PDB file of N, CA and C in Angstrom:
ATOM      1  N   LYS A   1      -7.827  -2.654 -15.661  1.00  0.00           N
ATOM      2  CA  LYS A   1      -8.447  -3.792 -14.691  1.00  0.00           C
ATOM      3  C   LYS A   1      -7.363  -4.917 -14.444  1.00  0.00           C
ATOM      4  N   ALA A   2      -7.161  -5.553 -13.444  1.00  0.00           N
ATOM      5  CA  ALA A   2      -6.522  -6.344 -12.971  1.00  0.00           C
ATOM      6  C   ALA A   2      -6.066  -7.759 -13.405  1.00  0.00           C
ATOM      7  N   GLU A   3      -5.140  -8.027 -13.849  1.00  0.00           N
ATOM      8  CA  GLU A   3      -4.552  -9.591 -14.856  1.00  0.00           C
ATOM      9  C   GLU A   3      -5.634 -10.347 -14.112  1.00  0.00           C
ATOM     10  N   ASP A   4      -5.811 -11.091 -12.994  1.00  0.00           N
ATOM     11  CA  ASP A   4      -5.964 -12.548 -12.595  1.00  0.00           C
ATOM     12  C   ASP A   4      -7.302 -11.800 -11.644  1.00  0.00           C
ATOM     13  N   ARG A   5      -7.969 -10.708 -11.103  1.00  0.00           N
ATOM     14  CA  ARG A   5      -9.017 -10.110 -10.285  1.00  0.00           C
ATOM     15  C   ARG A   5     -10.041  -9.733 -11.030  1.00  0.00           C
ATOM     16  N   PRO A   6     -10.874  -9.976 -11.276  1.00  0.00           N
ATOM     17  CA  PRO A   6     -11.916  -9.206 -11.736  1.00  0.00           C
ATOM     18  C   PRO A   6     -12.743  -8.188 -11.289  1.00  0.00           C
ATOM     19  N   ASP A   7     -12.623  -8.349  -9.676  1.00  0.00           N
ATOM     20  CA  ASP A   7     -13.560  -7.162  -8.613  1.00  0.00           C
ATOM     21  C   ASP A   7     -11.878  -6.205  -8.800  1.00  0.00           C
ATOM     22  N   ALA A   8     -11.123  -6.081  -9.282  1.00  0.00           N
ATOM     23  CA  ALA A   8      -9.928  -5.086  -9.136  1.00  0.00           C
ATOM     24  C   ALA A   8      -9.315  -4.301 -10.193  1.00  0.00           C
ATOM     25  N   VAL A   9      -8.613  -3.099 -10.054  1.00  0.00           N
ATOM     26  CA  VAL A   9      -8.042  -2.403 -10.863  1.00  0.00           C
ATOM     27  C   VAL A   9      -6.780  -2.207  -9.840  1.00  0.00           C
ATOM     28  N   VAL A  10      -5.605  -2.342 -10.956  1.00  0.00           N
ATOM     29  CA  VAL A  10      -4.233  -1.615 -10.875  1.00  0.00           C
ATOM     30  C   VAL A  10      -4.245  -0.493 -11.103  1.00  0.00           C
ATOM     31  N   VAL A  11      -3.336   0.516  -9.900  1.00  0.00           N
ATOM     32  CA  VAL A  11      -3.259   1.666 -10.321  1.00  0.00           C
ATOM     33  C   VAL A  11      -1.658   1.987 -10.449  1.00  0.00           C
ATOM     34  N   ARG A  12      -0.910   2.299 -11.247  1.00  0.00           N
ATOM     35  CA  ARG A  12       0.437   2.992 -11.105  1.00  0.00           C
ATOM     36  C   ARG A  12       0.884   3.757 -11.231  1.00  0.00           C
ATOM     37  N   LEU A  13       1.757   4.376 -10.365  1.00  0.00           N
ATOM     38  CA  LEU A  13       1.828   5.841 -10.546  1.00  0.00           C
ATOM     39  C   LEU A  13       3.590   5.761 -10.341  1.00  0.00           C
ATOM     40  N   TYR A  14       3.780   6.812 -10.406  1.00  0.00           N
ATOM     41  CA  TYR A  14       5.625   6.898 -11.074  1.00  0.00           C
ATOM     42  C   TYR A  14       5.827   8.482 -10.324  1.00  0.00           C
ATOM     43  N   GLU A  15       6.715   8.304  -9.470  1.00  0.00           N
ATOM     44  CA  GLU A  15       7.553   9.665  -9.223  1.00  0.00           C
ATOM     45  C   GLU A  15       8.544  10.429 -10.162  1.00  0.00           C
ATOM     46  N   ALA A  16       8.497  11.848 -10.963  1.00  0.00           N
ATOM     47  CA  ALA A  16       9.199  11.833 -11.724  1.00  0.00           C
ATOM     48  C   ALA A  16      10.231  12.753 -11.778  1.00  0.00           C
ATOM     49  N   HIS A  17      10.198  13.531 -10.689  1.00  0.00           N
ATOM     50  CA  HIS A  17      11.083  14.770 -10.608  1.00  0.00           C
ATOM     51  C   HIS A  17      11.971  14.703  -9.557  1.00  0.00           C
ATOM     52  N   GLY A  18      12.422  13.390  -9.182  1.00  0.00           N
ATOM     53  CA  GLY A  18      13.569  13.114  -8.249  1.00  0.00           C
ATOM     54  C   GLY A  18      13.565  13.251  -6.807  1.00  0.00           C
ATOM     55  N   SER A  19      12.157  13.754  -6.262  1.00  0.00           N
ATOM     56  CA  SER A  19      11.844  13.830  -4.929  1.00  0.00           C
ATOM     57  C   SER A  19      11.206  12.928  -4.029  1.00  0.00           C
ATOM     58  N   THR A  20      11.564  13.208  -2.831  1.00  0.00           N
ATOM     59  CA  THR A  20      10.726  12.212  -1.749  1.00  0.00           C
ATOM     60  C   THR A  20       9.550  13.024  -1.601  1.00  0.00           C
ATOM     61  N   VAL A  21       8.377  12.498  -1.424  1.00  0.00           N
ATOM     62  CA  VAL A  21       7.320  12.992  -1.668  1.00  0.00           C
ATOM     63  C   VAL A  21       6.323  12.176  -1.186  1.00  0.00           C
ATOM     64  N   VAL A  22       5.078  12.845  -0.474  1.00  0.00           N
ATOM     65  CA  VAL A  22       3.845  12.186   0.188  1.00  0.00           C
ATOM     66  C   VAL A  22       2.516  12.654  -0.682  1.00  0.00           C
ATOM     67  N   ALA A  23       1.562  11.687  -1.304  1.00  0.00           N
ATOM     68  CA  ALA A  23       0.806  12.013  -1.931  1.00  0.00           C
ATOM     69  C   ALA A  23      -0.410  11.009  -1.688  1.00  0.00           C
ATOM     70  N   TRP A  24      -1.812  12.182  -1.934  1.00  0.00           N
ATOM     71  CA  TRP A  24      -2.724  10.969  -1.907  1.00  0.00           C
ATOM     72  C   TRP A  24      -3.392  10.718  -3.014  1.00  0.00           C
ATOM     73  N   LEU A  25      -4.069   9.681  -3.040  1.00  0.00           N
ATOM     74  CA  LEU A  25      -4.633   9.087  -4.229  1.00  0.00           C
ATOM     75  C   LEU A  25      -6.110   8.768  -3.829  1.00  0.00           C
ATOM     76  N   GLN A  26      -6.785   9.650  -4.400  1.00  0.00           N
ATOM     77  CA  GLN A  26      -7.944   9.948  -4.573  1.00  0.00           C
ATOM     78  C   GLN A  26      -9.421   9.049  -5.405  1.00  0.00           C
ATOM     79  N   THR A  27     -10.288   8.528  -5.333  1.00  0.00           N
ATOM     80  CA  THR A  27     -10.839   7.878  -6.442  1.00  0.00           C
ATOM     81  C   THR A  27     -12.345   8.197  -5.943  1.00  0.00           C
ATOM     82  N   SER A  28     -13.365   7.952  -6.856  1.00  0.00           N
ATOM     83  CA  SER A  28     -14.692   7.890  -6.999  1.00  0.00           C
ATOM     84  C   SER A  28     -15.046   6.111  -6.896  1.00  0.00           C
ATOM     85  N   LEU A  29     -14.338   5.580  -7.260  1.00  0.00           N
ATOM     86  CA  LEU A  29     -14.485   3.998  -7.505  1.00  0.00           C
ATOM     87  C   LEU A  29     -14.891   3.324  -5.952  1.00  0.00           C
ATOM     88  N   PRO A  30     -16.087   2.855  -5.721  1.00  0.00           N
ATOM     89  CA  PRO A  30     -16.302   2.065  -4.311  1.00  0.00           C
ATOM     90  C   PRO A  30     -14.710   1.027  -4.103  1.00  0.00           C
ATOM     91  N   VAL A  31     -13.964   1.531  -3.503  1.00  0.00           N
ATOM     92  CA  VAL A  31     -12.731   0.634  -2.919  1.00  0.00           C
ATOM     93  C   VAL A  31     -13.040  -0.080  -1.537  1.00  0.00           C
ATOM     94  N   LYS A  32     -13.070  -1.437  -1.663  1.00  0.00           N
ATOM     95  CA  LYS A  32     -12.859  -2.220  -0.378  1.00  0.00           C
ATOM     96  C   LYS A  32     -11.658  -2.204   0.269  1.00  0.00           C
ATOM     97  N   GLU A  33     -10.310  -2.772  -0.428  1.00  0.00           N
ATOM     98  CA  GLU A  33      -9.625  -2.527   0.218  1.00  0.00           C
ATOM     99  C   GLU A  33      -8.401  -2.195  -0.580  1.00  0.00           C
ATOM    100  N   ALA A  34      -7.411  -1.621  -0.651  1.00  0.00           N
ATOM    101  CA  ALA A  34      -6.195  -1.204  -1.055  1.00  0.00           C
ATOM    102  C   ALA A  34      -5.093  -2.223  -0.673  1.00  0.00           C
ATOM    103  N   MET A  35      -3.912  -2.514  -1.600  1.00  0.00           N
ATOM    104  CA  MET A  35      -2.482  -3.006  -1.176  1.00  0.00           C
ATOM    105  C   MET A  35      -1.913  -2.548  -2.381  1.00  0.00           C
ATOM    106  N   LEU A  36      -0.169  -2.349  -1.752  1.00  0.00           N
ATOM    107  CA  LEU A  36       0.838  -2.155  -2.881  1.00  0.00           C
ATOM    108  C   LEU A  36       1.125  -3.583  -3.474  1.00  0.00           C
ATOM    109  N   CYS A  37       1.056  -3.815  -4.488  1.00  0.00           N
ATOM    110  CA  CYS A  37       1.913  -5.039  -5.634  1.00  0.00           C
ATOM    111  C   CYS A  37       2.843  -4.915  -6.287  1.00  0.00           C
ATOM    112  N   ASP A  38       3.647  -5.851  -6.703  1.00  0.00           N
ATOM    113  CA  ASP A  38       4.420  -5.976  -7.815  1.00  0.00           C
ATOM    114  C   ASP A  38       4.184  -5.606  -8.766  1.00  0.00           C
ATOM    115  N   LEU A  39       4.875  -5.610  -9.990  1.00  0.00           N
ATOM    116  CA  LEU A  39       4.226  -4.923 -11.410  1.00  0.00           C
ATOM    117  C   LEU A  39       4.030  -6.410 -12.008  1.00  0.00           C
ATOM    118  N   LEU A  40       4.154  -7.521 -11.266  1.00  0.00           N
ATOM    119  CA  LEU A  40       3.104  -8.586 -11.774  1.00  0.00           C
ATOM    120  C   LEU A  40       1.704  -9.029 -11.311  1.00  0.00           C
ATOM    121  N   GLU A  41       1.462  -7.885 -10.360  1.00  0.00           N
ATOM    122  CA  GLU A  41       0.235  -7.736  -9.544  1.00  0.00           C
ATOM    123  C   GLU A  41       0.385  -8.510  -8.246  1.00  0.00           C
ATOM    124  N   ARG A  42       0.998  -8.996  -7.855  1.00  0.00           N
ATOM    125  CA  ARG A  42       1.521 -10.269  -6.862  1.00  0.00           C
ATOM    126  C   ARG A  42       1.457  -9.026  -5.602  1.00  0.00           C
ATOM    127  N   PRO A  43       0.494  -8.988  -4.343  1.00  0.00           N
ATOM    128  CA  PRO A  43       0.712  -8.378  -3.042  1.00  0.00           C
ATOM    129  C   PRO A  43       1.840  -8.101  -2.758  1.00  0.00           C
ATOM    130  N   ALA A  44       2.700  -6.994  -1.949  1.00  0.00           N
ATOM    131  CA  ALA A  44       3.707  -7.035  -1.291  1.00  0.00           C
ATOM    132  C   ALA A  44       4.027  -7.297  -0.072  1.00  0.00           C
ATOM    133  N   ALA A  45       5.354  -7.361   0.292  1.00  0.00           N
ATOM    134  CA  ALA A  45       5.249  -7.833   1.903  1.00  0.00           C
ATOM    135  C   ALA A  45       4.275  -6.687   2.705  1.00  0.00           C
ATOM    136  N   GLU A  46       4.385  -5.593   2.422  1.00  0.00           N
ATOM    137  CA  GLU A  46       3.865  -4.285   3.466  1.00  0.00           C
ATOM    138  C   GLU A  46       2.633  -4.425   3.510  1.00  0.00           C
ATOM    139  N   GLY A  47       1.475  -5.583   2.966  1.00  0.00           N
ATOM    140  CA  GLY A  47       0.355  -5.587   3.224  1.00  0.00           C
ATOM    141  C   GLY A  47      -0.688  -4.779   2.923  1.00  0.00           C
ATOM    142  N   ARG A  48      -1.866  -4.676   3.360  1.00  0.00           N
ATOM    143  CA  ARG A  48      -2.813  -3.480   3.130  1.00  0.00           C
ATOM    144  C   ARG A  48      -2.607  -1.978   3.607  1.00  0.00           C
ATOM    145  N   LEU A  49      -2.723  -1.273   2.773  1.00  0.00           N
ATOM    146  CA  LEU A  49      -3.160   0.102   2.910  1.00  0.00           C
ATOM    147  C   LEU A  49      -4.043   0.657   3.774  1.00  0.00           C
ATOM    148  N   PRO A  50      -4.298   1.447   4.845  1.00  0.00           N
ATOM    149  CA  PRO A  50      -5.359   2.016   5.170  1.00  0.00           C
ATOM    150  C   PRO A  50      -5.925   2.706   4.440  1.00  0.00           C
ATOM    151  N   LEU A  51      -7.093   2.545   4.428  1.00  0.00           N
ATOM    152  CA  LEU A  51      -8.103   3.854   3.420  1.00  0.00           C
ATOM    153  C   LEU A  51      -8.685   4.466   4.546  1.00  0.00           C
ATOM    154  N   GLU A  52      -7.976   6.056   4.162  1.00  0.00           N
ATOM    155  CA  GLU A  52      -8.621   7.362   4.831  1.00  0.00           C
ATOM    156  C   GLU A  52      -9.822   8.137   4.265  1.00  0.00           C
ATOM    157  N   GLN A  53     -10.444   8.919   5.071  1.00  0.00           N
ATOM    158  CA  GLN A  53     -11.176   9.854   4.704  1.00  0.00           C
ATOM    159  C   GLN A  53     -10.576  10.519   2.930  1.00  0.00           C
ATOM    160  N   GLN A  54      -9.388  10.881   3.281  1.00  0.00           N
ATOM    161  CA  GLN A  54      -8.830  11.561   2.191  1.00  0.00           C
ATOM    162  C   GLN A  54      -8.065  10.794   0.860  1.00  0.00           C
ATOM    163  N   GLY A  55      -8.342   9.358   1.262  1.00  0.00           N
ATOM    164  CA  GLY A  55      -7.729   8.741  -0.191  1.00  0.00           C
ATOM    165  C   GLY A  55      -6.947   7.916   0.787  1.00  0.00           C
ATOM    166  N   LEU A  56      -6.364   7.220  -0.344  1.00  0.00           N
ATOM    167  CA  LEU A  56      -4.720   6.758   0.355  1.00  0.00           C
ATOM    168  C   LEU A  56      -3.915   7.474   0.241  1.00  0.00           C
ATOM    169  N   ARG A  57      -2.954   7.615   1.305  1.00  0.00           N
ATOM    170  CA  ARG A  57      -1.806   8.136   1.379  1.00  0.00           C
ATOM    171  C   ARG A  57      -0.912   7.416   1.158  1.00  0.00           C
ATOM    172  N   LEU A  58       0.501   7.970   0.104  1.00  0.00           N
ATOM    173  CA  LEU A  58       1.417   6.977  -0.609  1.00  0.00           C
ATOM    174  C   LEU A  58       2.661   7.657  -0.192  1.00  0.00           C
ATOM    175  N   SER A  59       3.523   6.893  -0.136  1.00  0.00           N
ATOM    176  CA  SER A  59       4.983   7.801  -0.075  1.00  0.00           C
ATOM    177  C   SER A  59       5.822   7.610  -1.283  1.00  0.00           C
ATOM    178  N   PHE A  60       6.454   8.160  -1.986  1.00  0.00           N
ATOM    179  CA  PHE A  60       7.034   7.914  -2.532  1.00  0.00           C
ATOM    180  C   PHE A  60       9.044   8.299  -2.494  1.00  0.00           C
ATOM    181  N   THR A  61       9.676   7.722  -2.849  1.00  0.00           N
ATOM    182  CA  THR A  61      10.740   8.085  -2.947  1.00  0.00           C
ATOM    183  C   THR A  61      11.625   8.272  -4.502  1.00  0.00           C
ATOM    184  N   PRO A  62      12.892   9.142  -4.859  1.00  0.00           N
ATOM    185  CA  PRO A  62      12.702   9.614  -6.132  1.00  0.00           C
ATOM    186  C   PRO A  62      12.986   8.420  -7.485  1.00  0.00           C
ATOM    187  N   PHE A  63      12.102   8.816  -8.213  1.00  0.00           N
ATOM    188  CA  PHE A  63      11.830   7.794  -9.895  1.00  0.00           C
ATOM    189  C   PHE A  63      10.824   6.700  -8.945  1.00  0.00           C
ATOM    190  N   ARG A  64      10.445   6.431  -8.070  1.00  0.00           N
ATOM    191  CA  ARG A  64      10.311   5.058  -7.677  1.00  0.00           C
ATOM    192  C   ARG A  64       8.297   4.866  -8.580  1.00  0.00           C
ATOM    193  N   VAL A  65       8.170   3.444  -8.587  1.00  0.00           N
ATOM    194  CA  VAL A  65       7.280   3.649  -9.481  1.00  0.00           C
ATOM    195  C   VAL A  65       6.357   2.228  -8.395  1.00  0.00           C
ATOM    196  N   LEU A  66       5.037   2.812  -7.900  1.00  0.00           N
ATOM    197  CA  LEU A  66       4.092   2.367  -6.887  1.00  0.00           C
ATOM    198  C   LEU A  66       2.971   1.891  -8.191  1.00  0.00           C
ATOM    199  N   SER A  67       2.701   0.273  -7.529  1.00  0.00           N
ATOM    200  CA  SER A  67       1.272  -0.571  -8.290  1.00  0.00           C
ATOM    201  C   SER A  67       0.975  -0.630  -7.090  1.00  0.00           C
ATOM    202  N   VAL A  68      -0.695  -0.200  -7.105  1.00  0.00           N
ATOM    203  CA  VAL A  68      -1.689  -0.148  -6.439  1.00  0.00           C
ATOM    204  C   VAL A  68      -2.517  -1.126  -6.502  1.00  0.00           C
ATOM    205  N   LEU A  69      -3.155  -2.050  -5.631  1.00  0.00           N
ATOM    206  CA  LEU A  69      -4.186  -3.267  -6.043  1.00  0.00           C
ATOM    207  C   LEU A  69      -5.516  -2.351  -5.684  1.00  0.00           C
ATOM    208  N   LEU A  70      -6.496  -2.259  -6.214  1.00  0.00           N
ATOM    209  CA  LEU A  70      -7.430  -1.401  -5.708  1.00  0.00           C
ATOM    210  C   LEU A  70      -8.770  -2.666  -5.978  1.00  0.00           C
ATOM    211  N   VAL A  71      -9.269  -3.225  -4.610  1.00  0.00           N
ATOM    212  CA  VAL A  71      -9.946  -4.260  -4.731  1.00  0.00           C
ATOM    213  C   VAL A  71     -11.670  -3.569  -4.707  1.00  0.00           C
ATOM    214  N   LEU A  72     -12.530  -3.793  -5.289  1.00  0.00           N
ATOM    215  CA  LEU A  72     -13.947  -2.685  -5.423  1.00  0.00           C
ATOM    216  C   LEU A  72     -14.958  -3.747  -4.825  1.00  0.00           C
ATOM    217  N   ARG A  73     -15.882  -2.959  -4.496  1.00  0.00           N
ATOM    218  CA  ARG A  73     -17.096  -3.503  -3.581  1.00  0.00           C
ATOM    219  C   ARG A  73     -17.550  -3.474  -4.774  1.00  0.00           C
ATOM    220  N   GLN A  74     -18.865  -5.056  -4.923  1.00  0.00           N
ATOM    221  CA  GLN A  74     -19.694  -5.555  -5.836  1.00  0.00           C
ATOM    222  C   GLN A  74     -20.766  -4.915  -5.653  1.00  0.00           C
TER     223      GLN A  74
END
């Protein structure tokens, strides 16, 4: 669960193989909006991530940690 938002969860992902990759995050949760955030769960400057049929498309650089804030429908 997100620290300051009862309607959200934070997912942290890590690229562990030293590669630049594209990955899809899929969930059965009722996601209303998604955005990248920092480790303190503040929204990043990049803003919202587009929700697509396949899920969220995420790009990783080597050894990068991504934090994604998922705001859920009530």
